[in-house]
Protein backbone atom coordinates (compact mmCIF):
# COMPACT_ATOMS: atom_id res chain seq x y z
CA MET A 1 -30.65 -12.83 -36.01
CA LYS A 2 -29.95 -12.68 -32.32
CA MET A 3 -33.10 -14.70 -31.55
CA MET A 4 -32.17 -17.35 -34.15
CA ARG A 5 -28.77 -17.65 -32.53
CA MET A 6 -30.34 -18.05 -29.05
CA ILE A 7 -32.52 -20.86 -30.32
CA GLN A 8 -29.60 -22.67 -32.01
CA ILE A 9 -27.70 -22.58 -28.70
CA LEU A 10 -30.60 -23.79 -26.70
CA LEU A 11 -31.39 -26.60 -29.14
CA LEU A 12 -27.71 -27.71 -28.99
CA ALA A 13 -27.71 -27.76 -25.27
CA ALA A 14 -31.05 -29.62 -25.13
CA MET A 15 -29.88 -32.26 -27.75
CA GLN A 16 -26.68 -33.01 -25.82
CA PHE A 17 -28.08 -32.84 -22.26
CA SER A 18 -31.77 -33.30 -22.55
CA SER A 19 -32.29 -35.23 -19.36
CA ARG A 20 -30.56 -32.50 -17.33
CA ALA A 21 -31.96 -29.44 -19.12
CA LEU A 22 -35.61 -30.69 -18.86
CA SER A 23 -35.44 -31.77 -15.30
CA CYS A 24 -35.91 -29.52 -12.20
CA ASP A 25 -33.04 -29.45 -9.65
CA ILE A 26 -33.47 -32.37 -7.21
CA SER A 27 -33.14 -31.53 -3.58
CA SER A 28 -30.53 -33.70 -1.87
CA GLY A 29 -29.42 -31.43 1.03
CA VAL A 30 -26.11 -30.72 -0.60
CA VAL A 31 -25.55 -27.23 -2.04
CA ILE A 32 -22.66 -25.43 -3.75
CA ASN A 33 -21.74 -23.01 -0.91
CA GLU A 34 -18.83 -21.00 -2.24
CA VAL A 35 -17.11 -20.66 -5.68
CA TYR A 36 -13.66 -19.03 -6.26
CA TYR A 37 -12.67 -18.80 -9.88
CA ASP A 38 -10.66 -15.52 -10.46
CA HIS A 39 -7.36 -15.53 -8.52
CA PRO A 40 -5.11 -12.44 -8.93
CA GLY A 41 -2.53 -13.32 -11.53
CA VAL A 42 -2.72 -16.99 -12.66
CA ASP A 43 -6.06 -18.63 -11.72
CA SER A 44 -5.10 -22.21 -12.26
CA GLY A 45 -4.44 -24.23 -9.12
CA TRP A 46 -5.93 -21.66 -6.64
CA GLU A 47 -9.62 -22.04 -7.63
CA PHE A 48 -11.95 -23.93 -5.38
CA ILE A 49 -15.56 -25.06 -4.85
CA GLU A 50 -17.21 -25.70 -1.53
CA LEU A 51 -20.13 -28.10 -0.91
CA LEU A 52 -22.23 -27.91 2.20
CA ASN A 53 -24.51 -30.51 3.76
CA MET A 54 -27.63 -28.71 4.87
CA SER A 55 -29.61 -31.91 5.65
CA ASP A 56 -30.26 -33.36 9.04
CA SER A 57 -28.22 -36.38 8.42
CA ALA A 58 -24.93 -37.58 6.77
CA ILE A 59 -25.02 -37.93 2.92
CA ASP A 60 -23.17 -40.40 0.73
CA LEU A 61 -21.73 -38.45 -2.23
CA SER A 62 -21.07 -41.53 -4.34
CA GLY A 63 -22.03 -40.65 -7.95
CA HIS A 64 -21.89 -36.83 -7.34
CA THR A 65 -20.03 -34.82 -9.96
CA LEU A 66 -19.08 -31.16 -10.60
CA GLU A 67 -19.13 -29.45 -14.02
CA ALA A 68 -18.11 -26.11 -15.28
CA VAL A 69 -20.48 -24.97 -18.00
CA ASP A 70 -19.52 -22.49 -20.76
CA GLY A 71 -21.79 -19.42 -20.47
CA ARG A 72 -21.99 -18.93 -24.34
CA THR A 73 -22.64 -22.44 -25.48
CA GLY A 74 -23.92 -24.41 -22.52
CA ILE A 75 -21.28 -27.01 -23.06
CA PRO A 76 -20.07 -28.51 -19.82
CA ARG A 77 -16.58 -29.59 -18.81
CA PHE A 78 -15.81 -32.20 -16.10
CA LEU A 79 -14.19 -30.83 -12.87
CA TRP A 80 -14.56 -33.52 -10.22
CA ALA A 81 -16.24 -36.96 -9.42
CA SER A 82 -16.71 -38.06 -5.87
CA PRO A 83 -15.06 -41.43 -4.96
CA ALA A 84 -17.39 -44.27 -3.91
CA GLY A 85 -18.25 -44.15 -0.16
CA LEU A 86 -17.39 -40.40 0.48
CA ILE A 87 -19.64 -39.28 3.34
CA LEU A 88 -20.48 -35.61 4.05
CA ASP A 89 -21.67 -35.28 7.62
CA LYS A 90 -24.47 -32.97 8.73
CA ALA A 91 -23.41 -29.28 8.43
CA GLU A 92 -19.95 -30.37 7.03
CA ILE A 93 -18.17 -28.36 4.42
CA LEU A 94 -16.22 -30.12 1.68
CA LEU A 95 -13.43 -28.22 -0.13
CA ILE A 96 -12.56 -29.29 -3.65
CA ALA A 97 -9.69 -27.22 -4.86
CA GLY A 98 -6.84 -26.75 -7.34
CA GLU A 99 -3.40 -28.30 -6.61
CA CYS A 100 -1.96 -25.12 -5.13
CA ARG A 101 -4.17 -25.55 -2.09
CA VAL A 102 -3.81 -28.33 0.55
CA VAL A 103 -6.51 -30.99 -0.07
CA PRO A 104 -6.36 -34.75 -0.43
CA ASP A 105 -5.83 -36.09 -3.96
CA TYR A 106 -9.35 -37.24 -4.36
CA LEU A 107 -10.55 -33.55 -3.68
CA ILE A 108 -8.37 -31.85 -6.36
CA LEU A 109 -10.19 -30.20 -9.24
CA GLN A 110 -9.49 -31.94 -12.57
CA GLY A 111 -10.01 -28.73 -14.67
CA ASP A 112 -10.06 -24.92 -14.44
CA ILE A 113 -13.14 -22.86 -13.72
CA GLU A 114 -13.67 -20.14 -16.23
CA ASN A 115 -14.09 -16.46 -15.29
CA GLY A 116 -17.68 -15.20 -15.91
CA PRO A 117 -20.12 -15.37 -17.54
CA ASP A 118 -20.16 -19.15 -16.80
CA GLY A 119 -21.77 -21.68 -14.55
CA ILE A 120 -21.17 -24.52 -12.14
CA ARG A 121 -23.31 -27.61 -11.73
CA LEU A 122 -23.45 -30.31 -8.98
CA CYS A 123 -24.90 -33.48 -10.47
CA ARG A 124 -25.86 -36.99 -9.41
CA SER A 125 -26.17 -39.39 -12.25
CA ASP A 126 -28.41 -37.60 -14.92
CA SER A 127 -29.91 -35.14 -12.42
CA VAL A 128 -28.90 -31.67 -11.42
CA ILE A 129 -28.61 -31.18 -7.73
CA ASP A 130 -27.57 -27.56 -7.64
CA ARG A 131 -26.39 -24.89 -10.03
CA VAL A 132 -24.92 -21.45 -9.80
CA GLY A 133 -24.49 -19.05 -12.80
CA TYR A 134 -22.52 -15.84 -12.70
CA GLY A 135 -22.18 -12.88 -15.08
CA GLU A 136 -24.39 -11.93 -18.05
CA LEU A 137 -25.28 -15.47 -19.16
CA GLU A 138 -26.89 -16.29 -22.52
CA VAL A 139 -28.06 -19.71 -21.63
CA GLU A 140 -30.89 -19.69 -19.10
CA ASP A 141 -30.43 -23.34 -17.91
CA LEU A 142 -27.10 -22.42 -16.24
CA TYR A 143 -28.48 -20.59 -13.36
CA GLU A 144 -31.42 -20.39 -10.93
CA SER A 145 -33.90 -17.58 -11.77
CA ILE A 146 -31.30 -14.77 -12.02
CA PRO A 147 -27.47 -15.10 -12.30
CA ALA A 148 -25.18 -13.99 -9.47
CA VAL A 149 -22.74 -11.20 -9.99
CA ASP A 150 -19.40 -11.87 -11.74
CA ALA A 151 -16.91 -11.52 -8.86
CA GLU A 152 -13.81 -9.34 -9.04
CA ASP A 153 -10.42 -11.10 -9.07
CA GLY A 154 -9.48 -12.13 -5.43
CA PHE A 155 -13.06 -12.46 -4.47
CA SER A 156 -15.36 -15.42 -4.28
CA LEU A 157 -19.12 -15.99 -4.70
CA ALA A 158 -20.40 -17.06 -1.32
CA ARG A 159 -23.98 -18.02 -0.09
CA LYS A 160 -25.12 -15.51 2.58
CA PRO A 161 -25.88 -16.92 5.05
CA ASP A 162 -24.25 -20.34 4.52
CA GLY A 163 -26.44 -22.79 2.87
CA HIS A 164 -29.27 -20.29 2.12
CA ASP A 165 -30.98 -21.45 -1.05
CA SER A 166 -33.94 -19.46 -2.43
CA ASN A 167 -33.36 -20.81 -6.01
CA ILE A 168 -32.37 -17.24 -7.02
CA ASN A 169 -28.59 -17.13 -7.57
CA CYS A 170 -28.36 -13.30 -7.41
CA ASN A 171 -30.07 -13.31 -3.95
CA ASP A 172 -28.19 -16.32 -2.51
CA PHE A 173 -24.60 -15.47 -3.61
CA VAL A 174 -22.65 -12.36 -2.81
CA GLU A 175 -19.08 -11.26 -3.64
CA ALA A 176 -16.95 -12.02 -0.49
CA HIS A 177 -13.49 -12.56 0.82
CA PRO A 178 -12.61 -16.26 0.19
CA THR A 179 -13.04 -18.58 3.06
CA PRO A 180 -11.86 -22.05 1.67
CA GLY A 181 -13.07 -24.90 3.83
CA ARG A 182 -14.60 -22.60 6.47
CA ARG A 183 -18.05 -21.01 6.97
CA ASN A 184 -18.62 -17.91 4.94
CA TRP A 185 -20.56 -15.90 7.55
CA TYR A 186 -21.01 -15.78 11.40
CA SER A 187 -23.62 -13.96 13.44
CA GLN A 188 -20.88 -11.90 15.26
CA ASP A 189 -17.74 -11.40 13.22
CA ILE A 190 -15.29 -8.54 13.21
CA GLU A 191 -12.54 -8.41 10.56
CA ILE A 192 -9.46 -6.19 10.76
CA ARG A 193 -7.24 -5.27 7.85
CA LEU A 194 -4.33 -2.88 6.89
CA ASP A 195 -3.86 -1.53 3.43
CA LYS A 196 -0.24 -2.63 3.32
CA ASN A 197 1.77 -5.55 4.84
CA PHE A 198 4.33 -3.48 6.72
CA ILE A 199 4.43 -0.95 9.48
CA ILE A 200 7.26 1.65 9.68
CA LEU A 201 8.30 2.44 13.33
CA CYS A 202 10.08 5.69 14.18
CA ASN A 203 12.65 4.90 16.87
CA ASN A 204 10.24 2.22 18.49
CA LYS A 205 7.23 4.60 18.03
CA LEU A 206 4.30 3.75 15.78
CA GLU A 207 3.37 7.27 14.53
CA SER A 208 0.01 6.51 13.03
CA ILE A 209 -1.55 3.67 10.96
CA LEU A 210 -5.13 3.34 9.70
CA VAL A 211 -6.72 -0.01 10.68
CA SER A 212 -9.95 -0.95 8.84
CA ILE A 213 -12.50 -2.55 11.12
CA GLU A 214 -15.39 -4.30 9.28
CA ASN A 215 -18.42 -6.02 10.63
CA ALA A 216 -18.41 -9.22 8.46
CA GLY A 217 -21.12 -10.74 10.46
CA LEU A 218 -24.89 -11.12 10.05
CA GLU A 219 -25.83 -9.10 13.10
CA ARG A 220 -25.10 -5.62 14.41
CA PHE A 221 -21.85 -5.49 16.41
CA LYS A 222 -21.69 -3.11 19.33
CA GLY A 223 -18.89 -3.18 22.00
CA GLU A 224 -15.31 -2.51 22.73
CA ILE A 225 -12.40 -4.32 21.14
CA TYR A 226 -8.62 -3.98 21.77
CA LEU A 227 -5.93 -3.77 19.03
CA GLN A 228 -2.41 -4.70 19.82
CA ILE A 229 0.76 -5.73 18.03
CA VAL A 230 2.47 -8.99 18.90
CA SER A 231 6.20 -9.03 17.77
CA GLY A 232 8.13 -12.32 17.79
CA LEU A 233 9.44 -13.00 21.26
CA SER A 234 9.02 -9.26 22.39
CA PRO A 235 6.49 -8.55 25.11
CA VAL A 236 2.93 -7.80 23.86
CA THR A 237 2.35 -4.14 23.44
CA GLN A 238 -0.17 -2.15 25.38
CA ARG A 239 -3.71 -2.67 24.19
CA PHE A 240 -5.39 0.06 22.10
CA PRO A 241 -9.10 0.33 22.93
CA VAL A 242 -11.71 0.96 20.21
CA GLU A 243 -15.38 1.46 20.59
CA VAL A 244 -17.28 -0.29 17.80
CA ASP A 245 -20.87 0.09 16.63
CA LEU A 246 -21.36 -1.22 13.10
CA PRO A 247 -24.35 -2.74 11.34
CA PRO A 248 -23.73 -5.77 9.07
CA GLY A 249 -21.45 -4.97 6.15
CA ALA A 250 -20.34 -1.60 7.43
CA TYR A 251 -16.78 -0.65 8.27
CA ASP A 252 -14.82 2.12 9.85
CA PHE A 253 -11.13 3.30 10.02
CA VAL A 254 -9.23 3.76 13.25
CA GLU A 255 -6.11 5.76 13.58
CA MET A 256 -3.71 3.82 15.89
CA SER A 257 -0.41 4.90 17.45
CA MET A 258 1.62 3.65 20.39
CA PHE A 259 5.02 3.28 21.90
CA PHE A 260 7.03 0.07 22.42
CA SER A 261 9.22 -0.55 25.39
CA SER A 262 10.95 -3.50 23.62
CA LEU A 263 10.66 -4.66 20.19
CA GLN A 264 11.88 -7.27 17.73
CA TYR A 265 11.69 -6.01 14.14
CA GLY A 266 10.44 -8.27 11.47
CA ALA A 267 7.25 -10.48 11.27
CA ALA A 268 4.43 -9.51 13.70
CA ASP A 269 0.76 -9.71 14.10
CA LEU A 270 -1.86 -6.95 14.46
CA VAL A 271 -4.38 -8.62 16.71
CA ALA A 272 -7.93 -7.61 17.67
CA SER A 273 -9.02 -9.12 20.99
CA GLY A 274 -11.64 -8.94 23.72
CA ASN A 275 -14.07 -11.79 23.32
CA ILE A 276 -15.21 -10.21 20.10
CA ASP A 277 -16.77 -12.82 17.80
CA GLU A 278 -17.33 -16.39 16.64
CA ASN A 279 -14.57 -16.28 13.89
CA PRO A 280 -10.98 -15.86 15.06
CA CYS A 281 -9.52 -16.36 11.57
CA ASN A 282 -9.87 -12.70 10.53
CA ASP A 283 -9.14 -11.17 13.98
CA SER A 284 -5.42 -10.78 13.06
CA CYS A 285 -3.30 -9.89 10.14
CA ARG A 286 0.40 -10.52 9.51
CA VAL A 287 2.60 -7.46 9.08
CA VAL A 288 6.43 -6.72 8.99
CA LEU A 289 7.71 -4.14 11.50
CA VAL A 290 10.43 -1.98 9.79
CA GLU A 291 12.80 0.18 11.71
CA SER A 292 13.22 3.76 10.45
CA PRO A 293 15.49 5.35 9.69
CA SER A 294 17.20 2.23 8.50
CA ASP A 295 20.91 1.70 7.48
CA LEU A 296 20.24 2.96 3.93
CA VAL A 297 17.80 5.75 3.35
CA ILE A 298 16.32 7.38 0.25
CA ASN A 299 17.88 10.89 0.68
CA GLU A 300 17.11 12.97 -2.52
CA ILE A 301 14.74 12.61 -5.59
CA MET A 302 14.71 14.23 -8.84
CA TYR A 303 11.18 13.57 -10.23
CA ARG A 304 10.86 16.47 -12.57
CA PRO A 305 14.23 16.97 -14.34
CA LEU A 306 15.06 19.48 -17.06
CA SER A 307 13.81 18.51 -20.45
CA GLY A 308 15.86 15.60 -21.83
CA ARG A 309 17.64 14.91 -18.46
CA SER A 310 17.43 12.02 -16.16
CA GLU A 311 15.26 11.13 -13.37
CA TRP A 312 17.20 9.88 -10.32
CA ILE A 313 17.11 8.74 -6.73
CA GLU A 314 19.98 9.31 -4.19
CA LEU A 315 20.66 6.77 -1.42
CA TYR A 316 22.68 7.41 1.67
CA ASN A 317 24.49 4.84 3.90
CA ARG A 318 24.22 5.82 7.43
CA THR A 319 26.67 3.00 8.57
CA VAL A 320 30.39 2.89 8.38
CA ARG A 321 30.41 -0.38 6.45
CA GLU A 322 30.10 -0.98 2.74
CA VAL A 323 26.79 -2.37 1.61
CA ASP A 324 26.27 -4.59 -1.39
CA ILE A 325 23.05 -3.62 -3.18
CA SER A 326 23.18 -6.33 -5.98
CA GLY A 327 19.80 -7.88 -6.46
CA TRP A 328 17.88 -4.97 -4.81
CA LYS A 329 14.74 -3.44 -6.21
CA VAL A 330 13.07 -0.10 -6.43
CA ILE A 331 9.23 -0.18 -6.41
CA ASP A 332 6.74 2.65 -7.07
CA ALA A 333 3.22 3.26 -5.76
CA ALA A 334 1.69 1.28 -8.63
CA GLY A 335 3.84 -1.81 -7.83
CA ASN A 336 6.18 -1.29 -10.84
CA GLU A 337 9.55 -2.89 -10.07
CA GLY A 338 13.04 -2.03 -11.28
CA ASP A 339 16.15 -4.24 -10.57
CA LEU A 340 19.25 -2.37 -9.52
CA GLU A 341 22.46 -3.07 -11.30
CA ALA A 342 25.18 -4.77 -9.37
CA GLY A 343 26.98 -2.31 -7.13
CA ARG A 344 28.15 -1.23 -3.58
CA ILE A 345 27.71 1.85 -1.53
CA GLU A 346 30.57 2.74 0.66
CA GLY A 347 30.16 3.59 4.36
CA ASN A 348 28.67 7.12 4.96
CA GLY A 349 28.47 7.40 1.17
CA PHE A 350 26.04 8.39 -1.45
CA LEU A 351 24.76 6.40 -4.45
CA ILE A 352 22.72 7.67 -7.26
CA ILE A 353 20.25 5.39 -9.18
CA ALA A 354 19.70 7.12 -12.50
CA ASP A 355 17.26 6.51 -15.32
CA ASP A 356 19.89 7.68 -17.73
CA GLY A 357 23.54 7.63 -16.36
CA GLY A 358 25.04 9.45 -19.39
CA SER A 359 22.66 12.30 -19.36
CA PHE A 360 23.11 12.45 -15.52
CA MET A 361 26.87 12.89 -15.85
CA ASP A 362 26.51 15.56 -18.54
CA GLU A 363 24.43 17.49 -16.16
CA TYR A 364 26.54 16.93 -13.09
CA PRO A 365 30.13 16.57 -14.47
CA GLU A 366 31.79 17.10 -11.04
CA PHE A 367 29.82 14.27 -9.38
CA GLN A 368 32.18 11.93 -7.55
CA ALA A 369 29.95 9.46 -5.69
CA GLY A 370 28.64 6.03 -6.97
CA LEU A 371 26.29 5.87 -9.93
CA ILE A 372 24.33 2.83 -11.10
CA GLY A 373 21.43 2.25 -13.42
CA MET A 374 18.56 -0.26 -13.67
CA GLU A 375 18.37 -3.67 -15.35
CA GLY A 376 15.54 -2.24 -17.43
CA ASP A 377 13.97 1.11 -16.66
CA LEU A 378 13.73 2.96 -13.49
CA PRO A 379 10.00 3.14 -12.58
CA ALA A 380 8.79 6.50 -13.80
CA LEU A 381 8.49 9.00 -10.82
CA ASN A 382 5.09 10.76 -10.89
CA ASP A 383 4.93 14.47 -10.77
CA GLN A 384 1.33 15.23 -9.83
CA ASN A 385 -0.53 14.48 -6.58
CA SER A 386 -3.00 11.62 -6.55
CA GLY A 387 -4.87 12.11 -3.37
CA GLU A 388 -2.41 12.70 -0.59
CA ILE A 389 0.70 11.85 -2.38
CA ALA A 390 2.32 12.11 -5.86
CA GLU A 391 4.45 9.00 -5.58
CA SER A 392 5.92 6.50 -3.11
CA VAL A 393 9.31 4.81 -3.52
CA GLU A 394 10.32 1.56 -1.85
CA LEU A 395 13.74 0.09 -1.62
CA ARG A 396 13.81 -3.60 -1.04
CA ASP A 397 16.87 -5.87 -0.58
CA ALA A 398 17.73 -9.06 -2.37
CA GLY A 399 15.59 -11.07 -0.13
CA GLY A 400 12.58 -8.81 -0.65
CA GLY A 401 12.81 -7.14 2.78
CA LEU A 402 11.72 -3.47 2.98
CA VAL A 403 14.74 -1.26 3.55
CA ASP A 404 13.14 2.10 3.18
CA ARG A 405 9.89 3.56 1.92
CA VAL A 406 9.12 7.28 1.36
CA SER A 407 6.34 9.13 -0.23
CA TYR A 408 6.22 12.70 -1.49
CA ARG A 409 3.83 15.34 -2.65
CA ASP A 410 4.50 17.61 -5.57
CA LEU A 411 6.62 20.32 -4.12
CA SER A 412 8.13 21.71 -7.22
CA GLY A 413 5.02 22.91 -8.90
CA GLY A 414 5.80 23.56 -12.57
CA GLU A 415 9.53 24.12 -11.95
CA ARG A 416 11.89 21.68 -13.61
CA GLY A 417 15.40 20.66 -12.61
CA ARG A 418 14.95 21.10 -8.83
CA SER A 419 15.11 17.99 -6.56
CA ILE A 420 13.39 17.47 -3.17
CA GLU A 421 15.86 16.64 -0.27
CA ARG A 422 15.35 14.78 2.90
CA LEU A 423 15.74 16.93 6.01
CA SER A 424 18.11 14.53 7.47
CA PRO A 425 19.13 10.89 7.17
CA GLU A 426 18.26 10.63 10.93
CA VAL A 427 14.58 11.50 10.38
CA CYS A 428 11.95 8.75 10.27
CA SER A 429 10.77 8.06 6.74
CA SER A 430 7.11 8.11 7.85
CA SER A 431 7.34 11.21 10.13
CA ALA A 432 3.99 12.83 10.60
CA ASP A 433 5.70 16.17 10.15
CA GLY A 434 7.03 15.27 6.71
CA ILE A 435 10.62 14.84 5.48
CA TRP A 436 10.94 16.79 2.19
CA HIS A 437 11.92 20.30 1.07
CA ARG A 438 12.90 21.56 -2.36
CA CYS A 439 16.67 21.95 -2.81
CA SER A 440 17.65 25.57 -2.10
CA PHE A 441 20.87 25.45 -4.16
CA ILE A 442 21.08 27.59 -7.28
CA SER A 443 22.03 24.44 -9.17
CA GLY A 444 18.73 22.90 -8.15
CA ALA A 445 20.15 19.66 -6.75
CA SER A 446 22.92 18.20 -4.41
CA PRO A 447 23.74 14.70 -5.76
CA GLY A 448 26.60 13.08 -3.85
CA GLU A 449 26.78 15.76 -1.19
CA GLN A 450 25.05 16.92 2.01
CA ASN A 451 21.68 18.24 1.27
CA SER A 452 21.07 21.97 1.21
CA VAL A 453 18.15 21.65 3.69
CA TYR A 454 20.12 19.35 6.05
CA ILE A 455 19.21 19.67 9.78
CA SER A 456 21.75 18.17 12.21
CA ASP A 457 19.43 17.93 15.16
CA ASP A 458 15.68 17.53 15.70
CA ILE A 459 14.09 20.93 16.13
CA SER A 460 11.85 21.16 19.09
CA SER A 461 11.47 24.90 19.39
CA PHE A 462 9.04 26.96 17.15
CA HIS A 463 11.48 29.99 17.41
CA ILE A 464 14.04 30.43 14.62
CA SER A 465 17.77 29.85 15.17
CA ILE A 466 20.67 31.18 13.28
CA SER A 467 24.13 29.70 13.56
CA PRO A 468 26.81 30.84 13.41
CA ASN A 469 25.92 34.36 14.39
CA PRO A 470 27.86 36.52 13.85
CA PHE A 471 29.24 34.95 10.74
CA ASN A 472 31.91 35.76 8.21
CA PRO A 473 31.20 34.54 4.68
CA SER A 474 34.93 34.27 3.79
CA GLU A 475 35.46 31.82 6.64
CA THR A 476 32.19 29.86 7.07
CA ARG A 477 30.64 30.52 3.72
CA TYR A 478 27.11 30.68 5.11
CA THR A 479 24.94 30.75 8.23
CA GLU A 480 22.11 28.32 8.77
CA ILE A 481 18.62 29.55 9.60
CA THR A 482 16.39 26.82 11.08
CA GLY A 483 12.85 26.77 12.31
CA LYS A 484 9.68 24.73 12.68
CA CYS A 485 6.01 25.34 11.62
CA ARG A 486 3.22 24.87 14.18
CA ARG A 487 0.60 22.30 13.39
CA TRP A 488 -1.80 24.67 11.55
CA GLU A 489 1.02 26.32 9.56
CA SER A 490 1.70 24.78 6.17
CA GLY A 491 4.46 27.06 4.70
CA PHE A 492 7.12 29.64 5.42
CA SER A 493 9.29 32.29 3.74
CA VAL A 494 12.75 33.35 4.94
CA SER A 495 14.04 36.91 4.03
CA ILE A 496 16.89 39.20 5.06
CA PHE A 497 16.24 42.97 5.53
CA ASP A 498 18.56 45.85 6.24
CA LEU A 499 18.01 48.19 9.15
CA ARG A 500 16.07 50.50 6.85
CA GLY A 501 13.44 47.73 6.45
CA ILE A 502 14.30 47.07 2.84
CA ARG A 503 14.36 43.37 1.85
CA ILE A 504 17.68 42.63 0.30
CA ARG A 505 17.39 38.83 -0.16
CA ARG A 506 14.65 36.27 -0.23
CA VAL A 507 16.49 33.28 0.94
CA PHE A 508 14.05 30.42 0.82
CA SER A 509 10.32 29.60 0.77
CA GLU A 510 8.25 26.47 0.86
CA ARG A 511 4.58 25.36 0.86
CA ASN A 512 3.35 21.94 2.07
CA GLY A 513 6.76 20.66 2.81
CA ALA A 514 8.15 19.20 6.13
CA LYS A 515 7.33 21.12 9.28
CA SER A 516 10.98 21.61 10.19
CA PHE A 517 13.31 23.41 7.89
CA THR A 518 16.79 24.79 7.43
CA CYS A 519 18.28 27.13 4.72
CA ARG A 520 21.60 28.98 4.26
CA TRP A 521 22.36 32.57 3.72
CA ASP A 522 25.75 33.36 2.07
CA GLY A 523 25.80 37.01 3.10
CA LYS A 524 24.94 38.22 -0.39
CA SER A 525 22.10 40.31 -1.76
CA GLU A 526 19.36 39.24 -4.30
CA ASP A 527 21.72 40.31 -7.20
CA LYS A 528 24.60 38.20 -5.67
CA ARG A 529 26.58 41.22 -4.44
CA CYS A 530 28.64 40.76 -1.22
CA LEU A 531 27.09 42.83 1.51
CA ARG A 532 29.17 45.04 3.79
CA ALA A 533 29.62 44.07 7.39
CA GLY A 534 26.87 45.12 9.88
CA LEU A 535 23.54 44.18 11.51
CA TYR A 536 20.71 42.73 9.47
CA LEU A 537 17.26 41.36 10.27
CA CYS A 538 16.12 37.82 9.39
CA VAL A 539 12.37 37.60 9.16
CA VAL A 540 10.49 34.24 8.81
CA GLU A 541 6.71 34.46 7.80
CA PHE A 542 4.64 31.32 8.50
CA THR A 543 1.61 30.83 6.39
CA GLY A 544 -1.54 28.84 6.67
CA SER A 545 -3.42 26.60 4.21
CA GLY A 546 -4.91 29.64 2.50
CA GLY A 547 -1.59 31.39 2.02
CA SER A 548 -2.09 34.09 4.65
CA VAL A 549 0.60 35.02 7.15
CA CYS A 550 -0.25 33.41 10.56
CA ARG A 551 3.01 34.34 12.31
CA ARG A 552 6.24 36.29 11.95
CA GLU A 553 9.56 35.37 13.73
CA LYS A 554 12.39 37.89 13.70
CA ALA A 555 16.08 37.63 14.69
CA CYS A 556 19.17 39.84 14.17
CA VAL A 557 22.03 38.38 12.28
CA VAL A 558 25.53 39.99 12.27
CA LEU A 559 27.71 39.96 9.18
CA SER A 560 31.25 40.37 10.49
CA GLU A 561 34.36 41.66 8.77
CA PRO A 562 37.28 39.25 7.87
CA GLY A 563 39.40 38.60 10.97
CA ARG A 564 36.58 39.44 13.42
């Protein structure tokens, strides 16, 4: 049955286009050099076909046409016809494209190119000049020997090297980054890329970004290049040297960090320089430099609420002025967007963005700060880690500008109803030492108030600090215990002992959170009894990745009597 269907298709194609189907491709020196048919999102208007003159002289394209051929039936559709007298010079590339690209009217495609399996034919009168088929084609006449691969969206099919024609599509064409109107390949060609279009800077310091360096050329590349960031009218940053030794098609990642003496936030370019190659078009990429911490920061996140309760995000306004957040968006790691309801956040104030405002107020009836929802649903906040993070959350203003972006790992484990809190609104969102700890309050969260893990100043010492000390619970309510993990330490546990060495309170513990921490002791025992005045011992155990204790820090803490 399948064979009969194939015969019927072939007969239909032969009857309709016998002169083309039975003739061999006629060499004219012009080849289809690149085809782009699957644009991310809507394809129409973005597609293009490149023609390349590989002969030793100029060619008159009068009478040349392009057709898109259905991969199942072999039926062609008209795409483009050359106007009379159009001359293609030796080694010249001609771009014929959809209306979304900048080409003269006589070079606009008159139809859409289908995603694979399909084919493209370049014809002159009744003769086929060149053809390329892609995907698992059923009609053999649509390709040369073996079809090319079916390119993923955002990629083109490009001859490698330019103009190479062995009459075997799968050998001649490869999946590549589109190069409309330009050569596909160069002998020496280094391409740099970032995985995102923005860079968060911590107080004019670039903590760390990963730059992808790929050898997109046809020959091995070995030598030194320099990376630098050029920001508007600001001076060029210092050059970051990188040694490169890559065979064709190979790539490597470079971790880059630097300081800026002067900076203009906003649009900038990451540039590779140093006499590096023949193709300057991919030696830079446009990025946006974002200052952190910004005026508004993401301050607390409830990503695993109690069953039936609301997920929520808390914003904090670091400025004294009111900010209108109408038209702003929240975007998660997968690119899901949620539009904020119209609202304002007062100076030095808090604002909760809740998935379910009614459920949120039922859970926190004494909440006094601002509360808004989403026009639609708040993007669901992931619980589990996926690689290095569980989720990222972006806050963008009405113009699409990035205000803040944070990521988090799963710190709560299987526990529900406990939020993660930012160490401080003053800490950079991309700090290499992390910014999150679980809330240490009994209630499990601190919406609309200062975080339980709040640190007023950056901690530089690795020794613990207790303040106030002595302290009186009836006057100051609690004393703060602060500390910092060393680079190889991944967790800590804070406990209070009496002078007999008996642990009377486990105050706080954390694994894989931020390197700096703070927690509060209210002068009570594990069973919430008020302890008598006297001398106690605070012990902080720092643990490594395997959970074993790496270091212990001890300090005396004095619990004073009222009036002392």
